[in-house]
């Protein structure tokens, strides 16, 4: 660890000598026409929760052109996003390849009026470096995060101290704006958003029509997987919940997921007597379109939770170790359940109670 720290300090010292920029303490920036946002260091959910930043830029500068740098993992959540004019996929693993740099990262040399590196979870040296390598007039980045100094803040001429220790329950969608608020960039709408078109809607409709036979039952979706083991509610509890819902509110059920959730989906197929369909390995806009048609969506604390959060569909999110006040989707009809850091402390009855409140209203409307 000591050797690693010494090496890190040495690298930072070299970069500081070669690439540091003079700090500009002014909070005034000229209205930018071309903006580059670098978020290759965030997971899918983090990125979706931060759409409020893109909205704020477009509301503040309606004529600006916004480009976004993402990773291969979080790119699917930004496809067709209406606030973005261009998306660049950056693969950090290929950074050491000179050919990759010359062919793929040439966007850095296009010229920007403003480059922003948002920070909500952790500081990324790679993202900071990309911001410095970009040809830009102004670069905004974190000076510190919750009291921890950004050792590569010298890449930025506008530096912002981000400190949420006095507001530990603030939502990430709001925190995403704190990097630009000092410069008069803001929005009152913190909702995330995924854009989908008529083709996505048609794909979702065809899927629904295959198993509902256009009956009058409710349509309920579930996502039972999660990237982190501690964020996965018991499959047996999901199975019991499905049965309880169907007993009182006969419904058409579907599961979303990818190949990573294959075992979980197969388990439920064998242990749930009720028929349900699977919407597997589909593009994010199609998943959002399908959820938007549903009467209820239930999920673990994971990326698809944030996808569902962009729709107006009633939603129940099940939490364990993560603070739901930070990460749960915000808006009308958005609910979460958490009992402790152990997600399985949430009982079937805890979730079913919310289901009843939501589905009773649906039945009255029908």
Protein backbone atom coordinates (compact mmCIF):
# COMPACT_ATOMS: atom_id res chain seq x y z
CA UNK A 1 0.00 0.00 0.00
CA UNK A 2 2.84 2.39 0.88
CA UNK A 3 4.53 1.73 -2.48
CA UNK A 4 1.23 2.33 -4.29
CA UNK A 5 0.75 5.65 -2.52
CA UNK A 6 4.28 6.72 -3.38
CA UNK A 7 3.76 5.77 -7.03
CA UNK A 8 0.45 7.66 -7.15
CA UNK A 9 2.04 10.78 -5.69
CA UNK A 10 4.89 10.54 -8.19
CA UNK A 11 2.50 10.23 -11.15
CA UNK A 12 0.42 13.16 -9.90
CA UNK A 13 3.55 15.27 -9.48
CA UNK A 14 4.60 14.59 -13.07
CA UNK A 15 1.14 15.37 -14.46
CA UNK A 16 0.95 18.51 -12.34
CA UNK A 17 4.20 19.79 -13.81
CA UNK A 18 3.16 18.96 -17.38
CA UNK A 19 -0.59 19.55 -17.49
CA UNK A 20 -1.76 21.80 -14.65
CA UNK A 21 -3.89 24.80 -15.65
CA UNK A 22 -4.18 28.18 -13.91
CA UNK A 23 -7.15 28.36 -11.55
CA UNK A 24 -9.92 30.84 -12.31
CA UNK A 25 -11.92 31.71 -9.15
CA UNK A 26 -14.72 33.42 -11.10
CA UNK A 27 -18.23 31.92 -11.02
CA UNK A 28 -19.06 33.53 -14.35
CA UNK A 29 -18.70 31.58 -17.57
CA UNK A 30 -19.49 32.68 -21.09
CA UNK A 31 -22.58 30.90 -22.53
CA UNK A 32 -21.09 27.73 -24.03
CA UNK A 33 -22.07 26.42 -27.45
CA UNK A 34 -20.21 23.09 -27.24
CA UNK A 35 -20.18 21.15 -23.96
CA UNK A 36 -18.45 17.86 -23.14
CA UNK A 37 -19.48 15.81 -20.09
CA UNK A 38 -17.23 12.95 -18.97
CA UNK A 39 -18.97 10.18 -17.00
CA UNK A 40 -17.12 7.04 -18.04
CA UNK A 41 -16.45 6.32 -14.37
CA UNK A 42 -20.10 5.80 -13.37
CA UNK A 43 -22.32 2.73 -13.32
CA UNK A 44 -25.60 2.63 -15.24
CA UNK A 45 -27.73 3.63 -12.24
CA UNK A 46 -25.41 6.49 -11.27
CA UNK A 47 -25.56 7.84 -14.79
CA UNK A 48 -29.34 7.59 -15.09
CA UNK A 49 -29.78 9.32 -11.73
CA UNK A 50 -27.69 12.19 -13.06
CA UNK A 51 -29.79 13.04 -16.11
CA UNK A 52 -30.85 16.15 -14.20
CA UNK A 53 -27.47 17.65 -15.08
CA UNK A 54 -28.08 17.24 -18.82
CA UNK A 55 -31.53 18.79 -18.44
CA UNK A 56 -30.08 21.73 -16.50
CA UNK A 57 -27.56 22.46 -19.25
CA UNK A 58 -30.23 22.44 -21.95
CA UNK A 59 -32.56 24.63 -19.88
CA UNK A 60 -29.80 27.13 -19.10
CA UNK A 61 -28.31 27.13 -22.62
CA UNK A 62 -31.09 26.02 -25.02
CA UNK A 63 -28.89 26.26 -28.10
CA UNK A 64 -25.90 24.36 -26.71
CA UNK A 65 -24.58 21.10 -28.17
CA UNK A 66 -23.99 18.50 -25.42
CA UNK A 67 -21.68 15.52 -25.89
CA UNK A 68 -21.23 12.76 -23.32
CA UNK A 69 -18.36 10.34 -22.73
CA UNK A 70 -19.52 6.99 -21.34
CA UNK A 71 -18.10 3.51 -20.79
CA UNK A 72 -19.21 0.36 -22.66
CA UNK A 73 -21.14 -0.64 -19.51
CA UNK A 74 -23.17 2.50 -18.91
CA UNK A 75 -23.66 3.45 -22.58
CA UNK A 76 -26.97 1.53 -23.04
CA UNK A 77 -28.78 3.83 -20.62
CA UNK A 78 -28.01 6.92 -22.68
CA UNK A 79 -29.12 5.69 -26.11
CA UNK A 80 -31.64 8.12 -27.64
CA UNK A 81 -31.48 10.47 -24.64
CA UNK A 82 -33.14 13.68 -25.83
CA UNK A 83 -30.79 15.97 -23.89
CA UNK A 84 -27.67 14.62 -25.61
CA UNK A 85 -26.52 15.50 -29.10
CA UNK A 86 -23.65 13.03 -29.27
CA UNK A 87 -22.29 10.09 -27.26
CA UNK A 88 -18.72 8.79 -27.24
CA UNK A 89 -17.89 5.36 -25.82
CA UNK A 90 -14.55 5.28 -24.04
CA UNK A 91 -12.99 1.93 -23.11
CA UNK A 92 -10.42 2.52 -20.38
CA UNK A 93 -8.85 -0.91 -20.96
CA UNK A 94 -7.69 0.19 -24.41
CA UNK A 95 -6.16 3.46 -23.29
CA UNK A 96 -2.58 2.16 -23.50
CA UNK A 97 -3.06 1.33 -27.21
CA UNK A 98 -1.74 4.27 -29.31
CA UNK A 99 -3.97 3.31 -32.23
CA UNK A 100 -7.03 3.39 -29.98
CA UNK A 101 -6.12 6.86 -28.81
CA UNK A 102 -5.56 8.23 -32.31
CA UNK A 103 -8.75 6.74 -33.78
CA UNK A 104 -11.24 6.65 -30.91
CA UNK A 105 -10.31 9.49 -28.59
CA UNK A 106 -9.85 12.07 -31.32
CA UNK A 107 -13.11 13.68 -30.13
CA UNK A 108 -11.02 15.29 -27.39
CA UNK A 109 -9.47 17.56 -29.99
CA UNK A 110 -12.73 18.81 -31.48
CA UNK A 111 -12.76 21.91 -29.32
CA UNK A 112 -15.24 22.68 -26.52
CA UNK A 113 -16.32 25.78 -24.70
CA UNK A 114 -16.94 23.81 -21.52
CA UNK A 115 -15.90 20.40 -20.15
CA UNK A 116 -17.51 19.00 -16.98
CA UNK A 117 -16.57 15.97 -14.87
CA UNK A 118 -19.52 15.28 -12.53
CA UNK A 119 -18.80 13.57 -9.20
CA UNK A 120 -21.35 11.85 -6.97
CA UNK A 121 -19.70 8.67 -5.64
CA UNK A 122 -15.96 8.83 -6.22
CA UNK A 123 -13.29 10.87 -7.97
CA UNK A 124 -11.87 9.41 -11.19
CA UNK A 125 -8.32 10.28 -12.20
CA UNK A 126 -8.98 8.93 -15.70
CA UNK A 127 -12.01 11.17 -16.23
CA UNK A 128 -10.07 14.15 -14.88
CA UNK A 129 -7.21 13.41 -17.26
CA UNK A 130 -9.57 13.14 -20.24
CA UNK A 131 -10.99 16.54 -19.30
CA UNK A 132 -7.51 18.03 -19.34
CA UNK A 133 -6.58 16.40 -22.64
CA UNK A 134 -9.73 17.78 -24.24
CA UNK A 135 -9.29 21.00 -26.16
CA UNK A 136 -11.42 23.32 -24.04
CA UNK A 137 -11.76 26.90 -22.84
CA UNK A 138 -13.17 26.03 -19.40
CA UNK A 139 -12.97 22.84 -17.33
CA UNK A 140 -15.15 22.26 -14.26
CA UNK A 141 -14.26 19.52 -11.78
CA UNK A 142 -14.24 18.60 -8.11
CA UNK A 143 -11.71 20.17 -5.79
CA UNK A 144 -12.76 17.81 -3.01
CA UNK A 145 -15.45 15.24 -2.19
CA UNK A 146 -16.81 15.11 1.36
CA UNK A 147 -13.58 16.56 2.70
CA UNK A 148 -11.26 14.34 0.62
CA UNK A 149 -9.01 16.43 -1.60
CA UNK A 150 -8.97 15.63 -5.33
CA UNK A 151 -5.28 15.05 -5.96
CA UNK A 152 -5.75 15.76 -9.68
CA UNK A 153 -7.81 18.95 -9.30
CA UNK A 154 -4.97 20.81 -11.03
CA UNK A 155 -6.48 19.62 -14.35
CA UNK A 156 -9.36 22.10 -13.84
CA UNK A 157 -9.48 25.88 -13.92
CA UNK A 158 -12.87 25.93 -12.12
CA UNK A 159 -12.90 23.82 -8.96
CA UNK A 160 -15.86 22.96 -6.76
CA UNK A 161 -15.86 21.57 -3.23
CA UNK A 162 -18.60 18.92 -2.95
CA UNK A 163 -19.64 18.16 0.61
CA UNK A 164 -22.79 16.23 1.48
CA UNK A 165 -21.82 15.20 5.02
CA UNK A 166 -24.36 17.66 6.41
CA UNK A 167 -27.00 16.36 3.97
CA UNK A 168 -26.45 12.59 3.98
CA UNK A 169 -29.97 11.83 2.69
CA UNK A 170 -29.91 14.08 -0.36
CA UNK A 171 -30.77 12.28 -3.60
CA UNK A 172 -28.08 11.66 -6.22
CA UNK A 173 -30.22 13.34 -8.87
CA UNK A 174 -29.85 16.57 -6.89
CA UNK A 175 -26.20 16.01 -5.98
CA UNK A 176 -25.37 15.71 -9.68
CA UNK A 177 -26.19 19.40 -10.06
CA UNK A 178 -23.88 20.67 -7.32
CA UNK A 179 -20.87 20.61 -9.65
CA UNK A 180 -22.47 23.32 -11.85
CA UNK A 181 -24.76 25.26 -9.49
CA UNK A 182 -21.99 27.73 -8.52
CA UNK A 183 -22.00 28.83 -12.17
CA UNK A 184 -25.74 29.50 -12.41
CA UNK A 185 -26.63 26.18 -14.07
CA UNK A 186 -29.64 24.49 -12.46
CA UNK A 187 -33.07 22.92 -12.93
CA UNK A 188 -36.07 22.32 -10.71
CA UNK A 189 -36.79 18.96 -12.35
CA UNK A 190 -34.63 16.20 -10.87
CA UNK A 191 -36.37 13.31 -12.64
CA UNK A 192 -34.32 10.99 -14.78
CA UNK A 193 -35.39 10.31 -18.34
CA UNK A 194 -34.94 7.68 -21.04
CA UNK A 195 -36.11 8.49 -24.54
CA UNK A 196 -37.83 5.77 -26.54
CA UNK A 197 -39.47 5.96 -29.95
CA UNK A 198 -42.35 4.31 -31.80
CA UNK A 199 -40.21 1.31 -32.75
CA UNK A 200 -39.45 0.65 -29.07
CA UNK A 201 -43.13 0.97 -28.19
CA UNK A 202 -44.10 -1.42 -30.98
CA UNK A 203 -41.57 -4.03 -29.79
CA UNK A 204 -42.96 -3.77 -26.27
CA UNK A 205 -46.55 -4.04 -27.51
CA UNK A 206 -45.77 -7.15 -29.54
CA UNK A 207 -44.19 -8.75 -26.49
CA UNK A 208 -47.20 -7.96 -24.30
CA UNK A 209 -49.71 -9.15 -26.89
CA UNK A 210 -47.98 -12.52 -27.16
CA UNK A 211 -48.93 -13.57 -23.64
CA UNK A 212 -51.81 -11.38 -22.50
CA UNK A 213 -54.16 -12.25 -25.34
CA UNK A 214 -55.47 -8.71 -24.84
CA UNK A 215 -57.22 -9.68 -21.59
CA UNK A 216 -58.20 -7.16 -18.95
CA UNK A 217 -55.72 -8.33 -16.33
CA UNK A 218 -53.17 -6.03 -14.77
CA UNK A 219 -49.65 -5.99 -16.24
CA UNK A 220 -46.88 -6.30 -13.64
CA UNK A 221 -43.14 -6.42 -14.23
CA UNK A 222 -40.37 -7.56 -11.89
CA UNK A 223 -36.60 -7.44 -11.91
CA UNK A 224 -35.19 -10.05 -9.52
CA UNK A 225 -31.47 -9.71 -10.21
CA UNK A 226 -28.82 -7.19 -9.16
CA UNK A 227 -25.16 -6.70 -9.86
CA UNK A 228 -24.33 -6.84 -6.15
CA UNK A 229 -25.25 -9.95 -4.16
CA UNK A 230 -26.24 -7.88 -1.11
CA UNK A 231 -28.83 -6.06 -3.23
CA UNK A 232 -30.72 -9.23 -4.16
CA UNK A 233 -33.97 -9.98 -2.34
CA UNK A 234 -34.69 -13.70 -1.81
CA UNK A 235 -36.03 -15.47 -4.88
CA UNK A 236 -38.37 -17.44 -2.64
CA UNK A 237 -39.81 -14.17 -1.40
CA UNK A 238 -40.30 -12.98 -4.97
CA UNK A 239 -42.09 -16.27 -5.74
CA UNK A 240 -44.36 -15.88 -2.72
CA UNK A 241 -45.05 -12.25 -3.58
CA UNK A 242 -46.09 -13.14 -7.14
CA UNK A 243 -48.53 -15.74 -5.84
CA UNK A 244 -50.02 -13.35 -3.26
CA UNK A 245 -50.52 -10.63 -5.85
CA UNK A 246 -52.12 -12.99 -8.33
CA UNK A 247 -54.47 -14.46 -5.73
CA UNK A 248 -55.98 -11.04 -5.00
CA UNK A 249 -55.28 -9.22 -8.26
CA UNK A 250 -55.11 -11.65 -11.23
CA UNK A 251 -52.33 -10.29 -13.40
CA UNK A 252 -50.05 -10.85 -16.36
CA UNK A 253 -46.47 -11.04 -15.06
CA UNK A 254 -43.17 -10.55 -16.87
CA UNK A 255 -39.54 -10.51 -15.76
CA UNK A 256 -36.77 -8.30 -17.11
CA UNK A 257 -33.12 -9.28 -17.08
CA UNK A 258 -30.06 -10.29 -19.04
CA UNK A 259 -27.96 -13.41 -19.40
CA UNK A 260 -26.45 -12.61 -16.00
CA UNK A 261 -29.86 -13.31 -14.43
CA UNK A 262 -30.37 -16.61 -16.27
CA UNK A 263 -30.15 -18.77 -13.14
CA UNK A 264 -32.53 -16.57 -11.17
CA UNK A 265 -35.09 -16.54 -13.96
CA UNK A 266 -34.89 -20.30 -14.42
CA UNK A 267 -35.34 -20.79 -10.67
CA UNK A 268 -38.53 -18.75 -10.68
CA UNK A 269 -39.79 -20.62 -13.74
CA UNK A 270 -39.52 -23.87 -11.77
CA UNK A 271 -40.87 -22.55 -8.47
CA UNK A 272 -43.74 -20.30 -9.53
CA UNK A 273 -46.85 -22.08 -10.75
CA UNK A 274 -48.18 -18.91 -12.37
CA UNK A 275 -47.17 -18.35 -15.99
CA UNK A 276 -44.99 -15.36 -16.74
CA UNK A 277 -42.92 -14.17 -19.68
CA UNK A 278 -39.33 -12.98 -19.88
CA UNK A 279 -38.09 -9.81 -21.55
CA UNK A 280 -34.43 -10.78 -21.77
CA UNK A 281 -31.37 -8.93 -23.06
CA UNK A 282 -33.37 -6.12 -24.59
CA UNK A 283 -32.19 -2.55 -25.30
CA UNK A 284 -32.79 -0.10 -22.46
CA UNK A 285 -35.25 2.05 -24.48
CA UNK A 286 -37.42 -1.03 -25.15
CA UNK A 287 -37.37 -1.95 -21.45
CA UNK A 288 -38.42 1.59 -20.56
CA UNK A 289 -41.22 1.44 -23.13
CA UNK A 290 -42.48 -1.86 -21.70
CA UNK A 291 -42.38 -0.63 -18.10
CA UNK A 292 -44.25 2.53 -19.14
CA UNK A 293 -47.16 0.30 -20.27
CA UNK A 294 -47.29 -1.58 -16.98
CA UNK A 295 -49.51 -1.15 -13.95
CA UNK A 296 -46.69 -1.87 -11.48
CA UNK A 297 -42.97 -2.59 -11.53
CA UNK A 298 -41.08 -4.19 -8.62
CA UNK A 299 -37.29 -4.48 -8.46
CA UNK A 300 -34.19 -4.77 -6.38
CA UNK A 301 -31.85 -1.82 -5.96
CA UNK A 302 -30.07 -2.06 -9.31
CA UNK A 303 -29.71 -0.39 -12.71
CA UNK A 304 -33.13 -1.40 -14.03
CA UNK A 305 -34.66 0.25 -10.96
CA UNK A 306 -33.42 3.55 -12.39
CA UNK A 307 -34.77 2.67 -15.83
CA UNK A 308 -38.22 2.13 -14.27
CA UNK A 309 -37.75 5.37 -12.38
CA UNK A 310 -37.80 7.33 -15.65
CA UNK A 311 -41.40 6.21 -16.33
CA UNK A 312 -44.66 7.27 -14.71
CA UNK A 313 -45.46 3.66 -13.79
CA UNK A 314 -45.98 2.96 -10.06
CA UNK A 315 -42.83 1.37 -8.73
CA UNK A 316 -41.63 -0.45 -5.62
CA UNK A 317 -37.87 -0.67 -5.02
CA UNK A 318 -36.46 -3.08 -2.42
CA UNK A 319 -33.35 -1.86 -0.58
CA UNK A 320 -30.74 -3.39 1.69
CA UNK A 321 -27.30 -1.85 2.35
CA UNK A 322 -27.79 1.24 0.16
CA UNK A 323 -29.43 4.42 1.43
CA UNK A 324 -32.71 4.70 -0.52
CA UNK A 325 -32.96 8.43 0.15
CA UNK A 326 -29.81 8.78 -1.96
CA UNK A 327 -30.65 6.29 -4.69
CA UNK A 328 -34.37 5.53 -4.92
CA UNK A 329 -36.13 7.02 -7.96
CA UNK A 330 -38.02 10.20 -7.19
CA UNK A 331 -41.45 11.29 -8.35
CA UNK A 332 -45.11 10.39 -8.02
CA UNK A 333 -45.94 6.72 -7.42
CA UNK A 334 -42.32 5.87 -6.58
CA UNK A 335 -42.02 3.80 -3.38
CA UNK A 336 -39.24 1.95 -1.61
CA UNK A 337 -38.95 -0.55 1.24
CA UNK A 338 -35.96 -0.91 3.55
CA UNK A 339 -35.71 -2.45 7.02
CA UNK A 340 -31.94 -2.70 7.57
CA UNK A 341 -28.69 -3.27 5.72
CA UNK A 342 -29.82 -6.87 5.17
CA UNK A 343 -32.21 -6.81 2.25
CA UNK A 344 -33.92 -10.03 3.34
CA UNK A 345 -35.08 -8.31 6.50
CA UNK A 346 -37.74 -6.90 4.18
CA UNK A 347 -40.69 -9.29 4.40
CA UNK A 348 -43.13 -10.31 1.70
CA UNK A 349 -45.86 -8.53 3.66
CA UNK A 350 -43.83 -5.30 3.64
CA UNK A 351 -43.78 -5.28 -0.15
CA UNK A 352 -47.29 -6.67 -0.57
CA UNK A 353 -48.73 -3.90 1.59
CA UNK A 354 -47.51 -1.35 -0.95
CA UNK A 355 -48.71 -3.53 -3.83
CA UNK A 356 -52.23 -3.47 -2.40
CA UNK A 357 -52.23 0.32 -2.05
CA UNK A 358 -51.19 0.68 -5.69
CA UNK A 359 -53.30 -2.06 -7.27
CA UNK A 360 -56.50 -1.13 -5.45
CA UNK A 361 -56.35 2.25 -7.14
CA UNK A 362 -55.76 0.54 -10.51
CA UNK A 363 -58.83 -1.67 -10.04
CA UNK A 364 -61.02 1.31 -9.15
CA UNK A 365 -59.95 3.10 -12.33
CA UNK A 366 -60.72 0.04 -14.42
